[in-house]
Amino acid sequence: MQRPVAPGSLCIVPAGSGQGPPCYVCYCEGPEGPGLDPEPGQTCAFNIYVTDALELWNTSFTPETLEKHKAQHGLDGAEDYSAWFRVACDQHAVSLTLKDDSSVHLTISREAETLTFNLSKVPSPDAAPRLQALMLRLAEQVCRLERQLAALKDETPSPRKKPQSGGQQLFLPDPDSGRGAPGPLIRKWMPGESIINPGFKRYHLSAPLLPISPA
C-alpha cells in the first residue's frame, strides 16, 4: 500500500556543473517518509531516491548500513534522517553531482552540519514501478492543489471599483481652511480676465495715447 507524500519530503535539485538534465527530483522513503510499505516481517530503512524521470538512483540502505552511515558522520543511532531531509529541502540545501561511473553524489545540509550520500543506479525492472508510483503521487497532489485553488477563488469576493474623482475644481479652498475654520472660496483667475474687475474681460487700446499739449 502506498503512503501519502509527507510535506517537505520531495524537492527539485539542479544538476551540478551543468551535467545531465537541468534538474532532478529528490525524495526519501522509509520511516516518516513516503513510499511503499515493507513486506510483512521486513524492516523499512530510510532511503533517498533521485530521478530524472528516466533513470532512478537510491542509497540502498539496510537498517545495518544506515546505522553504519550515521556512525561515520558522528551521529547517534536515533538520529532521524527524514527530519534532516525535510529541513534541507525546505532550505534548498540539497545538491548533487552525477559521477563518471553513473552514480550520484548527494549532499544535504542542516545549519553547520553536512551529510553526504552515494547513490547507485537502480536496475530498470526495479525502477519502473517506483517511477510509476512517484508519477501517480505527484499527479494526485497537483489535482488536489488545483481543487483547493479553485475553492479559494470561489470564496474570494471580486474587488470593487473605486469611485472616480469628479471634474476639475473651479474654486480653490481658502488656505486658512486647513487651520480648522472654513474660509471663503477663492475664485480662480482665468487668462484674459480683468484683475481689477473679475468677471470682465481685459481690453487693450488699439491706438496709442496722444500727448496733451498745454493750452
N, C-alpha and C. Protein backbone atom coordinates (compact mmCIF):
# COMPACT_ATOMS: atom_id res chain seq x y z
N MET A 1 0.85 -1.19 0.00
CA MET A 1 0.00 0.00 0.00
C MET A 1 0.88 1.24 0.00
N GLN A 2 0.47 2.24 -0.74
CA GLN A 2 1.29 3.44 -0.89
C GLN A 2 0.94 4.48 0.16
N ARG A 3 1.94 5.08 0.76
CA ARG A 3 1.72 6.12 1.76
C ARG A 3 1.58 7.47 1.09
N PRO A 4 0.88 8.40 1.75
CA PRO A 4 0.82 9.75 1.18
C PRO A 4 2.16 10.44 1.28
N VAL A 5 2.36 11.42 0.42
CA VAL A 5 3.61 12.17 0.42
C VAL A 5 3.67 13.06 1.65
N ALA A 6 4.76 12.99 2.39
CA ALA A 6 4.94 13.84 3.56
C ALA A 6 5.39 15.22 3.13
N PRO A 7 4.90 16.29 3.78
CA PRO A 7 5.30 17.65 3.39
C PRO A 7 6.81 17.83 3.50
N GLY A 8 7.40 18.43 2.49
CA GLY A 8 8.82 18.71 2.52
C GLY A 8 9.70 17.52 2.23
N SER A 9 9.10 16.36 1.84
CA SER A 9 9.90 15.16 1.60
C SER A 9 10.27 14.99 0.14
N LEU A 10 10.05 15.99 -0.68
CA LEU A 10 10.39 15.93 -2.10
C LEU A 10 10.84 17.31 -2.54
N CYS A 11 11.88 17.35 -3.38
CA CYS A 11 12.38 18.64 -3.85
C CYS A 11 12.99 18.49 -5.23
N ILE A 12 13.15 19.61 -5.91
CA ILE A 12 13.79 19.67 -7.21
C ILE A 12 15.22 20.15 -7.00
N VAL A 13 16.17 19.40 -7.54
CA VAL A 13 17.58 19.71 -7.34
C VAL A 13 18.24 19.94 -8.69
N PRO A 14 18.91 21.07 -8.90
CA PRO A 14 19.62 21.28 -10.17
C PRO A 14 20.84 20.39 -10.27
N ALA A 15 21.19 20.04 -11.49
CA ALA A 15 22.37 19.20 -11.71
C ALA A 15 23.63 20.02 -11.51
N GLY A 16 24.62 19.44 -10.85
CA GLY A 16 25.87 20.14 -10.61
C GLY A 16 26.73 20.20 -11.84
N SER A 17 27.40 21.34 -12.03
CA SER A 17 28.36 21.55 -13.13
C SER A 17 27.74 21.39 -14.50
N GLY A 18 26.44 21.65 -14.60
CA GLY A 18 25.79 21.60 -15.90
C GLY A 18 25.70 20.20 -16.49
N GLN A 19 25.81 19.16 -15.66
CA GLN A 19 25.77 17.80 -16.16
C GLN A 19 24.34 17.33 -16.32
N GLY A 20 24.09 16.52 -17.34
CA GLY A 20 22.81 15.87 -17.49
C GLY A 20 21.67 16.85 -17.69
N PRO A 21 20.45 16.45 -17.32
CA PRO A 21 19.28 17.32 -17.47
C PRO A 21 19.37 18.51 -16.52
N PRO A 22 18.52 19.52 -16.72
CA PRO A 22 18.62 20.72 -15.88
C PRO A 22 18.30 20.48 -14.42
N CYS A 23 17.53 19.44 -14.08
CA CYS A 23 17.18 19.23 -12.68
C CYS A 23 16.80 17.77 -12.46
N TYR A 24 16.79 17.41 -11.17
CA TYR A 24 16.41 16.07 -10.74
C TYR A 24 15.34 16.19 -9.66
N VAL A 25 14.55 15.14 -9.51
CA VAL A 25 13.61 15.03 -8.40
C VAL A 25 14.27 14.18 -7.33
N CYS A 26 14.29 14.70 -6.12
CA CYS A 26 14.92 14.01 -5.00
C CYS A 26 13.88 13.82 -3.90
N TYR A 27 13.74 12.59 -3.41
CA TYR A 27 12.75 12.32 -2.36
C TYR A 27 13.27 11.18 -1.49
N CYS A 28 12.61 11.00 -0.36
CA CYS A 28 13.03 9.95 0.57
C CYS A 28 11.89 8.98 0.82
N GLU A 29 12.25 7.78 1.21
CA GLU A 29 11.30 6.75 1.62
C GLU A 29 11.79 6.13 2.91
N GLY A 30 10.85 5.50 3.60
CA GLY A 30 11.22 4.84 4.85
C GLY A 30 10.46 5.43 6.02
N PRO A 31 10.93 5.23 7.24
CA PRO A 31 10.25 5.79 8.41
C PRO A 31 10.07 7.29 8.29
N GLU A 32 8.86 7.76 8.53
CA GLU A 32 8.50 9.17 8.48
C GLU A 32 8.54 9.73 7.06
N GLY A 33 8.74 8.88 6.07
CA GLY A 33 8.80 9.36 4.69
C GLY A 33 7.80 8.62 3.83
N PRO A 34 7.54 9.11 2.59
CA PRO A 34 6.60 8.44 1.72
C PRO A 34 7.20 7.18 1.14
N GLY A 35 6.40 6.42 0.47
CA GLY A 35 6.92 5.26 -0.23
C GLY A 35 6.05 4.05 -0.01
N LEU A 36 6.54 2.90 -0.37
CA LEU A 36 5.80 1.66 -0.26
C LEU A 36 6.05 1.03 1.09
N ASP A 37 4.99 0.52 1.70
CA ASP A 37 5.16 -0.16 2.97
C ASP A 37 5.95 -1.45 2.77
N PRO A 38 6.79 -1.81 3.74
CA PRO A 38 7.58 -3.04 3.60
C PRO A 38 6.70 -4.27 3.65
N GLU A 39 7.24 -5.36 3.16
CA GLU A 39 6.54 -6.63 3.25
C GLU A 39 6.48 -7.07 4.71
N PRO A 40 5.48 -7.90 5.07
CA PRO A 40 5.39 -8.37 6.45
C PRO A 40 6.68 -9.07 6.88
N GLY A 41 7.16 -8.71 8.07
CA GLY A 41 8.38 -9.30 8.57
C GLY A 41 9.64 -8.58 8.18
N GLN A 42 9.53 -7.55 7.32
CA GLN A 42 10.69 -6.79 6.89
C GLN A 42 10.71 -5.43 7.58
N THR A 43 11.90 -4.90 7.77
CA THR A 43 12.07 -3.58 8.36
C THR A 43 12.35 -2.56 7.26
N CYS A 44 11.62 -1.47 7.28
CA CYS A 44 11.78 -0.44 6.25
C CYS A 44 12.85 0.55 6.70
N ALA A 45 13.94 0.64 5.97
CA ALA A 45 15.02 1.56 6.29
C ALA A 45 14.85 2.85 5.49
N PHE A 46 15.39 3.91 6.03
CA PHE A 46 15.37 5.20 5.32
C PHE A 46 16.23 5.10 4.07
N ASN A 47 15.73 5.65 2.95
CA ASN A 47 16.49 5.70 1.71
C ASN A 47 16.15 6.97 0.95
N ILE A 48 17.13 7.49 0.24
CA ILE A 48 16.96 8.66 -0.61
C ILE A 48 16.98 8.21 -2.07
N TYR A 49 16.07 8.78 -2.84
CA TYR A 49 15.96 8.46 -4.26
C TYR A 49 16.15 9.72 -5.09
N VAL A 50 16.79 9.57 -6.23
CA VAL A 50 16.98 10.66 -7.18
C VAL A 50 16.59 10.15 -8.56
N THR A 51 15.84 10.95 -9.31
CA THR A 51 15.43 10.54 -10.64
C THR A 51 15.38 11.73 -11.59
N ASP A 52 15.64 11.43 -12.87
CA ASP A 52 15.46 12.42 -13.93
C ASP A 52 14.24 12.08 -14.77
N ALA A 53 13.35 11.24 -14.23
CA ALA A 53 12.13 10.74 -14.88
C ALA A 53 12.42 9.61 -15.86
N LEU A 54 13.68 9.32 -16.11
CA LEU A 54 14.06 8.19 -16.97
C LEU A 54 14.82 7.12 -16.21
N GLU A 55 15.72 7.57 -15.35
CA GLU A 55 16.52 6.65 -14.55
C GLU A 55 16.34 6.97 -13.07
N LEU A 56 16.71 6.02 -12.23
CA LEU A 56 16.49 6.15 -10.79
C LEU A 56 17.76 5.72 -10.06
N TRP A 57 18.10 6.49 -9.03
CA TRP A 57 19.23 6.17 -8.15
C TRP A 57 18.72 6.13 -6.71
N ASN A 58 19.34 5.31 -5.86
CA ASN A 58 18.98 5.31 -4.44
C ASN A 58 20.17 4.94 -3.58
N THR A 59 20.01 5.14 -2.27
CA THR A 59 21.10 4.89 -1.32
C THR A 59 21.23 3.42 -0.95
N SER A 60 20.17 2.63 -1.19
CA SER A 60 20.20 1.17 -0.93
C SER A 60 20.56 0.85 0.52
N PHE A 61 20.06 1.66 1.45
CA PHE A 61 20.34 1.41 2.86
C PHE A 61 19.55 0.20 3.36
N THR A 62 20.19 -0.60 4.18
CA THR A 62 19.52 -1.56 5.05
C THR A 62 19.61 -0.99 6.46
N PRO A 63 18.85 -1.52 7.41
CA PRO A 63 18.99 -0.99 8.78
C PRO A 63 20.43 -1.03 9.29
N GLU A 64 21.19 -2.03 8.88
CA GLU A 64 22.58 -2.13 9.35
C GLU A 64 23.47 -1.08 8.69
N THR A 65 23.38 -0.95 7.36
CA THR A 65 24.23 0.03 6.67
C THR A 65 23.82 1.46 7.01
N LEU A 66 22.55 1.67 7.35
CA LEU A 66 22.11 3.00 7.77
C LEU A 66 22.76 3.39 9.09
N GLU A 67 22.81 2.46 10.04
CA GLU A 67 23.46 2.73 11.32
C GLU A 67 24.95 2.99 11.12
N LYS A 68 25.56 2.27 10.21
CA LYS A 68 26.98 2.47 9.92
C LYS A 68 27.22 3.85 9.32
N HIS A 69 26.32 4.30 8.45
CA HIS A 69 26.45 5.63 7.84
C HIS A 69 26.34 6.71 8.91
N LYS A 70 25.43 6.55 9.85
CA LYS A 70 25.29 7.53 10.93
C LYS A 70 26.56 7.58 11.78
N ALA A 71 27.13 6.41 12.06
CA ALA A 71 28.35 6.38 12.87
C ALA A 71 29.51 7.05 12.14
N GLN A 72 29.58 6.90 10.83
CA GLN A 72 30.65 7.54 10.06
C GLN A 72 30.55 9.06 10.12
N HIS A 73 29.34 9.58 10.28
CA HIS A 73 29.15 11.03 10.36
C HIS A 73 29.06 11.52 11.80
N GLY A 74 29.37 10.64 12.77
CA GLY A 74 29.38 11.03 14.16
C GLY A 74 28.01 11.32 14.73
N LEU A 75 26.98 10.63 14.22
CA LEU A 75 25.61 10.86 14.68
C LEU A 75 25.14 9.69 15.53
N ASP A 76 24.20 9.99 16.40
CA ASP A 76 23.61 8.96 17.24
C ASP A 76 22.71 8.07 16.39
N GLY A 77 22.57 6.83 16.82
CA GLY A 77 21.75 5.88 16.06
C GLY A 77 20.29 6.28 15.97
N ALA A 78 19.82 7.10 16.93
CA ALA A 78 18.43 7.54 16.92
C ALA A 78 18.19 8.77 16.05
N GLU A 79 19.25 9.28 15.42
CA GLU A 79 19.11 10.47 14.57
C GLU A 79 18.13 10.19 13.43
N ASP A 80 17.20 11.13 13.22
CA ASP A 80 16.16 10.97 12.21
C ASP A 80 16.62 11.59 10.90
N TYR A 81 17.00 10.78 9.94
CA TYR A 81 17.43 11.29 8.65
C TYR A 81 16.26 11.91 7.88
N SER A 82 15.06 11.44 8.11
CA SER A 82 13.90 12.02 7.43
C SER A 82 13.73 13.49 7.80
N ALA A 83 13.94 13.82 9.08
CA ALA A 83 13.86 15.21 9.50
C ALA A 83 14.98 16.03 8.86
N TRP A 84 16.16 15.46 8.78
CA TRP A 84 17.27 16.13 8.09
C TRP A 84 16.86 16.48 6.66
N PHE A 85 16.30 15.49 5.99
CA PHE A 85 15.97 15.66 4.58
C PHE A 85 14.89 16.73 4.39
N ARG A 86 13.86 16.73 5.25
CA ARG A 86 12.79 17.72 5.13
C ARG A 86 13.34 19.13 5.33
N VAL A 87 14.19 19.32 6.33
CA VAL A 87 14.76 20.64 6.59
C VAL A 87 15.62 21.09 5.41
N ALA A 88 16.43 20.18 4.89
CA ALA A 88 17.30 20.52 3.76
C ALA A 88 16.48 20.90 2.53
N CYS A 89 15.38 20.19 2.29
CA CYS A 89 14.52 20.53 1.15
C CYS A 89 13.88 21.90 1.34
N ASP A 90 13.40 22.18 2.53
CA ASP A 90 12.76 23.48 2.79
C ASP A 90 13.75 24.63 2.64
N GLN A 91 15.00 24.40 2.97
CA GLN A 91 16.02 25.45 2.90
C GLN A 91 16.84 25.41 1.61
N HIS A 92 16.42 24.58 0.66
CA HIS A 92 17.14 24.43 -0.62
C HIS A 92 18.63 24.11 -0.37
N ALA A 93 18.87 23.22 0.58
CA ALA A 93 20.23 22.85 0.96
C ALA A 93 20.56 21.44 0.50
N VAL A 94 20.06 21.07 -0.68
CA VAL A 94 20.34 19.76 -1.27
C VAL A 94 21.07 19.98 -2.58
N SER A 95 22.18 19.28 -2.78
CA SER A 95 22.94 19.39 -4.03
C SER A 95 23.41 18.00 -4.44
N LEU A 96 23.59 17.82 -5.74
CA LEU A 96 24.04 16.51 -6.22
C LEU A 96 24.95 16.68 -7.43
N THR A 97 25.73 15.64 -7.67
CA THR A 97 26.63 15.59 -8.82
C THR A 97 26.56 14.20 -9.42
N LEU A 98 26.39 14.14 -10.73
CA LEU A 98 26.39 12.86 -11.44
C LEU A 98 27.84 12.50 -11.77
N LYS A 99 28.30 11.38 -11.23
CA LYS A 99 29.70 10.98 -11.38
C LYS A 99 29.91 10.18 -12.67
N ASP A 100 31.17 10.00 -13.02
CA ASP A 100 31.52 9.32 -14.27
C ASP A 100 31.08 7.87 -14.29
N ASP A 101 30.98 7.23 -13.13
CA ASP A 101 30.57 5.83 -13.09
C ASP A 101 29.05 5.67 -13.01
N SER A 102 28.32 6.76 -13.36
CA SER A 102 26.84 6.77 -13.38
C SER A 102 26.22 6.73 -11.99
N SER A 103 27.01 6.92 -10.96
CA SER A 103 26.46 7.04 -9.62
C SER A 103 26.22 8.52 -9.31
N VAL A 104 25.54 8.78 -8.22
CA VAL A 104 25.19 10.15 -7.83
C VAL A 104 25.77 10.43 -6.45
N HIS A 105 26.43 11.57 -6.32
CA HIS A 105 26.93 12.03 -5.02
C HIS A 105 26.00 13.13 -4.53
N LEU A 106 25.36 12.91 -3.38
CA LEU A 106 24.34 13.81 -2.85
C LEU A 106 24.81 14.41 -1.53
N THR A 107 24.53 15.69 -1.34
CA THR A 107 24.88 16.39 -0.11
C THR A 107 23.64 17.09 0.43
N ILE A 108 23.34 16.91 1.70
CA ILE A 108 22.27 17.65 2.36
C ILE A 108 22.86 18.34 3.59
N SER A 109 22.40 19.54 3.84
CA SER A 109 22.96 20.36 4.93
C SER A 109 21.85 20.81 5.87
N ARG A 110 22.21 20.94 7.13
CA ARG A 110 21.32 21.49 8.15
C ARG A 110 22.18 22.29 9.10
N GLU A 111 22.00 23.62 9.05
CA GLU A 111 22.83 24.55 9.82
C GLU A 111 24.30 24.33 9.45
N ALA A 112 25.15 24.01 10.42
CA ALA A 112 26.58 23.86 10.12
C ALA A 112 26.96 22.41 9.83
N GLU A 113 26.00 21.49 9.87
CA GLU A 113 26.29 20.07 9.66
C GLU A 113 25.94 19.67 8.24
N THR A 114 26.69 18.71 7.71
CA THR A 114 26.50 18.25 6.34
C THR A 114 26.57 16.73 6.30
N LEU A 115 25.66 16.14 5.54
CA LEU A 115 25.66 14.70 5.30
C LEU A 115 25.90 14.45 3.82
N THR A 116 26.69 13.43 3.51
CA THR A 116 26.95 13.06 2.12
C THR A 116 26.47 11.63 1.89
N PHE A 117 25.94 11.39 0.69
CA PHE A 117 25.42 10.08 0.33
C PHE A 117 25.89 9.72 -1.07
N ASN A 118 26.15 8.44 -1.27
CA ASN A 118 26.46 7.91 -2.60
C ASN A 118 25.30 7.03 -3.05
N LEU A 119 24.70 7.38 -4.17
CA LEU A 119 23.54 6.68 -4.68
C LEU A 119 23.93 5.89 -5.93
N SER A 120 23.51 4.65 -5.98
CA SER A 120 23.77 3.80 -7.14
C SER A 120 22.52 3.71 -8.01
N LYS A 121 22.73 3.40 -9.29
CA LYS A 121 21.61 3.34 -10.23
C LYS A 121 20.78 2.08 -9.97
N VAL A 122 19.46 2.25 -9.96
CA VAL A 122 18.54 1.13 -9.76
C VAL A 122 18.30 0.45 -11.11
N PRO A 123 18.37 -0.88 -11.18
CA PRO A 123 18.09 -1.57 -12.45
C PRO A 123 16.70 -1.22 -12.98
N SER A 124 16.57 -1.17 -14.28
CA SER A 124 15.32 -0.73 -14.92
C SER A 124 14.10 -1.51 -14.45
N PRO A 125 14.13 -2.85 -14.34
CA PRO A 125 12.93 -3.56 -13.88
C PRO A 125 12.47 -3.14 -12.49
N ASP A 126 13.41 -2.78 -11.62
CA ASP A 126 13.04 -2.33 -10.27
C ASP A 126 12.68 -0.85 -10.25
N ALA A 127 13.25 -0.08 -11.16
CA ALA A 127 13.00 1.37 -11.17
C ALA A 127 11.62 1.70 -11.73
N ALA A 128 11.13 0.92 -12.69
CA ALA A 128 9.88 1.25 -13.38
C ALA A 128 8.69 1.38 -12.42
N PRO A 129 8.42 0.41 -11.52
CA PRO A 129 7.26 0.57 -10.63
C PRO A 129 7.41 1.74 -9.66
N ARG A 130 8.63 2.04 -9.25
CA ARG A 130 8.83 3.17 -8.34
C ARG A 130 8.60 4.50 -9.06
N LEU A 131 9.08 4.61 -10.28
CA LEU A 131 8.84 5.84 -11.05
C LEU A 131 7.35 6.00 -11.34
N GLN A 132 6.67 4.90 -11.61
CA GLN A 132 5.23 4.97 -11.84
C GLN A 132 4.50 5.44 -10.59
N ALA A 133 4.87 4.90 -9.43
CA ALA A 133 4.24 5.31 -8.18
C ALA A 133 4.50 6.79 -7.90
N LEU A 134 5.72 7.24 -8.18
CA LEU A 134 6.05 8.65 -7.96
C LEU A 134 5.22 9.55 -8.86
N MET A 135 5.08 9.19 -10.14
CA MET A 135 4.30 10.00 -11.07
C MET A 135 2.84 10.09 -10.64
N LEU A 136 2.27 8.97 -10.20
CA LEU A 136 0.87 8.97 -9.77
C LEU A 136 0.70 9.80 -8.50
N ARG A 137 1.67 9.75 -7.59
CA ARG A 137 1.60 10.56 -6.37
C ARG A 137 1.62 12.04 -6.72
N LEU A 138 2.52 12.43 -7.62
CA LEU A 138 2.62 13.84 -8.00
C LEU A 138 1.36 14.30 -8.71
N ALA A 139 0.80 13.46 -9.59
CA ALA A 139 -0.44 13.83 -10.29
C ALA A 139 -1.58 14.01 -9.30
N GLU A 140 -1.64 13.16 -8.29
CA GLU A 140 -2.68 13.28 -7.27
C GLU A 140 -2.53 14.59 -6.50
N GLN A 141 -1.30 14.95 -6.17
CA GLN A 141 -1.07 16.19 -5.45
C GLN A 141 -1.45 17.40 -6.30
N VAL A 142 -1.11 17.38 -7.58
CA VAL A 142 -1.45 18.50 -8.46
C VAL A 142 -2.96 18.67 -8.55
N CYS A 143 -3.69 17.57 -8.71
CA CYS A 143 -5.15 17.66 -8.78
C CYS A 143 -5.74 18.20 -7.48
N ARG A 144 -5.18 17.77 -6.35
CA ARG A 144 -5.68 18.25 -5.06
C ARG A 144 -5.42 19.75 -4.90
N LEU A 145 -4.24 20.21 -5.29
CA LEU A 145 -3.92 21.63 -5.18
C LEU A 145 -4.78 22.47 -6.12
N GLU A 146 -5.08 21.96 -7.30
CA GLU A 146 -5.95 22.70 -8.23
C GLU A 146 -7.35 22.83 -7.67
N ARG A 147 -7.86 21.78 -7.03
CA ARG A 147 -9.19 21.87 -6.42
C ARG A 147 -9.19 22.89 -5.28
N GLN A 148 -8.14 22.88 -4.46
CA GLN A 148 -8.06 23.85 -3.37
C GLN A 148 -7.97 25.27 -3.90
N LEU A 149 -7.21 25.48 -4.97
CA LEU A 149 -7.10 26.81 -5.56
C LEU A 149 -8.42 27.27 -6.13
N ALA A 150 -9.15 26.37 -6.80
CA ALA A 150 -10.45 26.74 -7.35
C ALA A 150 -11.43 27.10 -6.24
N ALA A 151 -11.38 26.38 -5.11
CA ALA A 151 -12.26 26.69 -3.99
C ALA A 151 -11.93 28.05 -3.39
N LEU A 152 -10.66 28.40 -3.32
CA LEU A 152 -10.27 29.71 -2.79
C LEU A 152 -10.74 30.83 -3.71
N LYS A 153 -10.67 30.61 -5.02
CA LYS A 153 -11.13 31.63 -5.96
C LYS A 153 -12.63 31.87 -5.83
N ASP A 154 -13.40 30.79 -5.59
CA ASP A 154 -14.84 30.94 -5.43
C ASP A 154 -15.19 31.70 -4.15
N GLU A 155 -14.37 31.55 -3.12
CA GLU A 155 -14.65 32.21 -1.84
C GLU A 155 -14.16 33.65 -1.81
N THR A 156 -13.26 34.03 -2.70
CA THR A 156 -12.70 35.37 -2.69
C THR A 156 -13.64 36.32 -3.42
N PRO A 157 -14.16 37.40 -2.76
CA PRO A 157 -15.04 38.36 -3.44
C PRO A 157 -14.27 39.17 -4.47
N SER A 158 -14.99 39.57 -5.53
CA SER A 158 -14.35 40.38 -6.56
C SER A 158 -14.10 41.78 -6.02
N PRO A 159 -12.98 42.39 -6.32
CA PRO A 159 -12.69 43.74 -5.82
C PRO A 159 -13.63 44.77 -6.42
N ARG A 160 -14.09 45.70 -5.59
CA ARG A 160 -14.97 46.76 -6.07
C ARG A 160 -14.16 47.89 -6.67
N LYS A 161 -14.76 48.51 -7.69
CA LYS A 161 -14.08 49.63 -8.33
C LYS A 161 -14.17 50.86 -7.44
N LYS A 162 -13.08 51.55 -7.32
CA LYS A 162 -13.07 52.77 -6.54
C LYS A 162 -13.75 53.89 -7.32
N PRO A 163 -14.58 54.73 -6.66
CA PRO A 163 -15.22 55.84 -7.38
C PRO A 163 -14.19 56.81 -7.92
N GLN A 164 -14.45 57.22 -9.16
CA GLN A 164 -13.54 58.16 -9.78
C GLN A 164 -13.76 59.56 -9.23
N SER A 165 -12.71 60.33 -9.20
CA SER A 165 -12.79 61.69 -8.71
C SER A 165 -13.57 62.55 -9.69
N GLY A 166 -14.19 63.61 -9.19
CA GLY A 166 -15.00 64.48 -10.02
C GLY A 166 -14.18 65.28 -11.00
N GLY A 167 -14.85 66.20 -11.72
CA GLY A 167 -14.17 67.01 -12.72
C GLY A 167 -13.26 68.05 -12.10
N GLN A 168 -12.80 68.94 -12.93
CA GLN A 168 -11.86 69.96 -12.47
C GLN A 168 -12.53 70.91 -11.49
N GLN A 169 -11.87 71.21 -10.43
CA GLN A 169 -12.41 72.09 -9.40
C GLN A 169 -12.30 73.54 -9.85
N LEU A 170 -13.44 74.23 -9.81
CA LEU A 170 -13.46 75.61 -10.28
C LEU A 170 -12.96 76.58 -9.24
N PHE A 171 -13.13 76.28 -7.98
CA PHE A 171 -12.73 77.17 -6.91
C PHE A 171 -11.71 76.47 -6.02
N LEU A 172 -10.73 77.21 -5.60
CA LEU A 172 -9.71 76.68 -4.71
C LEU A 172 -10.09 76.95 -3.27
N PRO A 173 -9.86 76.00 -2.36
CA PRO A 173 -10.19 76.26 -0.96
C PRO A 173 -9.25 77.29 -0.36
N ASP A 174 -9.80 77.99 0.60
CA ASP A 174 -9.02 79.00 1.30
C ASP A 174 -7.88 78.33 2.05
N PRO A 175 -6.66 78.85 1.94
CA PRO A 175 -5.56 78.25 2.70
C PRO A 175 -5.81 78.19 4.19
N ASP A 176 -6.65 79.11 4.70
CA ASP A 176 -6.92 79.11 6.14
C ASP A 176 -7.81 77.96 6.56
N SER A 177 -8.44 77.28 5.56
CA SER A 177 -9.36 76.21 5.93
C SER A 177 -8.63 75.04 6.59
N GLY A 178 -7.34 74.87 6.27
CA GLY A 178 -6.58 73.79 6.88
C GLY A 178 -6.23 74.07 8.32
N ARG A 179 -6.50 75.29 8.79
CA ARG A 179 -6.17 75.64 10.18
C ARG A 179 -7.33 75.37 11.12
N GLY A 180 -8.43 74.84 10.60
CA GLY A 180 -9.53 74.49 11.48
C GLY A 180 -10.83 75.15 11.11
N ALA A 181 -10.81 76.42 10.68
CA ALA A 181 -12.05 77.13 10.38
C ALA A 181 -12.19 77.25 8.88
N PRO A 182 -13.35 76.89 8.31
CA PRO A 182 -13.54 77.01 6.87
C PRO A 182 -13.60 78.47 6.45
N GLY A 183 -12.89 78.81 5.41
CA GLY A 183 -12.86 80.18 4.90
C GLY A 183 -13.58 80.29 3.58
N PRO A 184 -13.72 81.49 3.05
CA PRO A 184 -14.40 81.68 1.77
C PRO A 184 -13.59 81.06 0.64
N LEU A 185 -14.30 80.66 -0.39
CA LEU A 185 -13.65 80.08 -1.55
C LEU A 185 -13.04 81.17 -2.41
N ILE A 186 -11.88 80.89 -2.95
CA ILE A 186 -11.18 81.84 -3.81
C ILE A 186 -11.40 81.45 -5.25
N ARG A 187 -11.92 82.39 -6.03
CA ARG A 187 -12.20 82.09 -7.43
C ARG A 187 -10.91 82.06 -8.22
N LYS A 188 -10.82 81.12 -9.15
CA LYS A 188 -9.63 81.01 -9.99
C LYS A 188 -9.65 82.10 -11.05
N TRP A 189 -8.52 82.72 -11.26
CA TRP A 189 -8.38 83.75 -12.29
C TRP A 189 -8.12 83.08 -13.62
N MET A 190 -8.91 83.50 -14.64
CA MET A 190 -8.79 82.94 -15.97
C MET A 190 -7.95 83.85 -16.83
N PRO A 191 -7.17 83.30 -17.77
CA PRO A 191 -6.37 84.14 -18.66
C PRO A 191 -7.24 85.09 -19.48
N GLY A 192 -6.82 86.36 -19.59
CA GLY A 192 -7.58 87.37 -20.33
C GLY A 192 -8.62 88.08 -19.50
N GLU A 193 -8.73 87.71 -18.24
CA GLU A 193 -9.74 88.31 -17.38
C GLU A 193 -9.14 89.50 -16.64
N SER A 194 -9.96 90.50 -16.40
CA SER A 194 -9.51 91.70 -15.71
C SER A 194 -9.24 91.39 -14.25
N ILE A 195 -8.08 91.85 -13.80
CA ILE A 195 -7.74 91.62 -12.40
C ILE A 195 -8.52 92.55 -11.49
N ILE A 196 -8.76 93.80 -11.99
CA ILE A 196 -9.46 94.79 -11.17
C ILE A 196 -10.94 94.46 -11.09
N ASN A 197 -11.53 94.09 -12.22
CA ASN A 197 -12.96 93.75 -12.27
C ASN A 197 -13.11 92.28 -12.66
N PRO A 198 -13.05 91.39 -11.71
CA PRO A 198 -13.17 89.98 -12.04
C PRO A 198 -14.49 89.69 -12.73
N GLY A 199 -14.48 88.85 -13.71
CA GLY A 199 -15.67 88.52 -14.47
C GLY A 199 -15.77 89.27 -15.77
N PHE A 200 -14.96 90.32 -15.95
CA PHE A 200 -14.96 91.10 -17.18
C PHE A 200 -13.64 90.91 -17.88
N LYS A 201 -13.72 90.90 -19.20
CA LYS A 201 -12.50 90.75 -19.99
C LYS A 201 -11.67 92.01 -19.94
N ARG A 202 -10.38 91.80 -20.10
CA ARG A 202 -9.45 92.92 -20.13
C ARG A 202 -9.23 93.31 -21.58
N TYR A 203 -9.46 94.64 -21.88
CA TYR A 203 -9.34 95.13 -23.26
C TYR A 203 -8.06 95.94 -23.39
N HIS A 204 -7.44 95.84 -24.56
CA HIS A 204 -6.24 96.60 -24.87
C HIS A 204 -6.59 97.73 -25.83
N LEU A 205 -6.01 98.89 -25.64
CA LEU A 205 -6.25 100.03 -26.54
C LEU A 205 -5.65 99.73 -27.89
N SER A 206 -6.44 100.03 -28.94
CA SER A 206 -5.97 99.75 -30.29
C SER A 206 -5.07 100.85 -30.83
N ALA A 207 -5.12 102.09 -30.26
CA ALA A 207 -4.29 103.21 -30.74
C ALA A 207 -3.51 103.78 -29.58
N PRO A 208 -2.31 104.28 -29.84
CA PRO A 208 -1.51 104.85 -28.74
C PRO A 208 -2.11 106.15 -28.24
N LEU A 209 -1.89 106.47 -27.00
CA LEU A 209 -2.38 107.72 -26.43
C LEU A 209 -1.56 108.88 -26.97
N LEU A 210 -2.26 110.02 -27.30
CA LEU A 210 -1.60 111.22 -27.81
C LEU A 210 -1.26 112.13 -26.64
N PRO A 211 -0.11 112.72 -26.67
CA PRO A 211 0.24 113.66 -25.58
C PRO A 211 -0.66 114.88 -25.63
N ILE A 212 -1.04 115.41 -24.51
CA ILE A 212 -1.89 116.60 -24.40
C ILE A 212 -0.99 117.82 -24.36
N SER A 213 -1.20 118.70 -25.38
CA SER A 213 -0.38 119.92 -25.45
C SER A 213 -0.89 120.95 -24.48
N PRO A 214 -0.05 121.73 -23.91
CA PRO A 214 -0.51 122.76 -22.95
C PRO A 214 -1.28 123.86 -23.67
N ALA A 215 -2.27 124.44 -23.03
CA ALA A 215 -3.10 125.49 -23.62
C ALA A 215 -2.29 126.76 -23.78
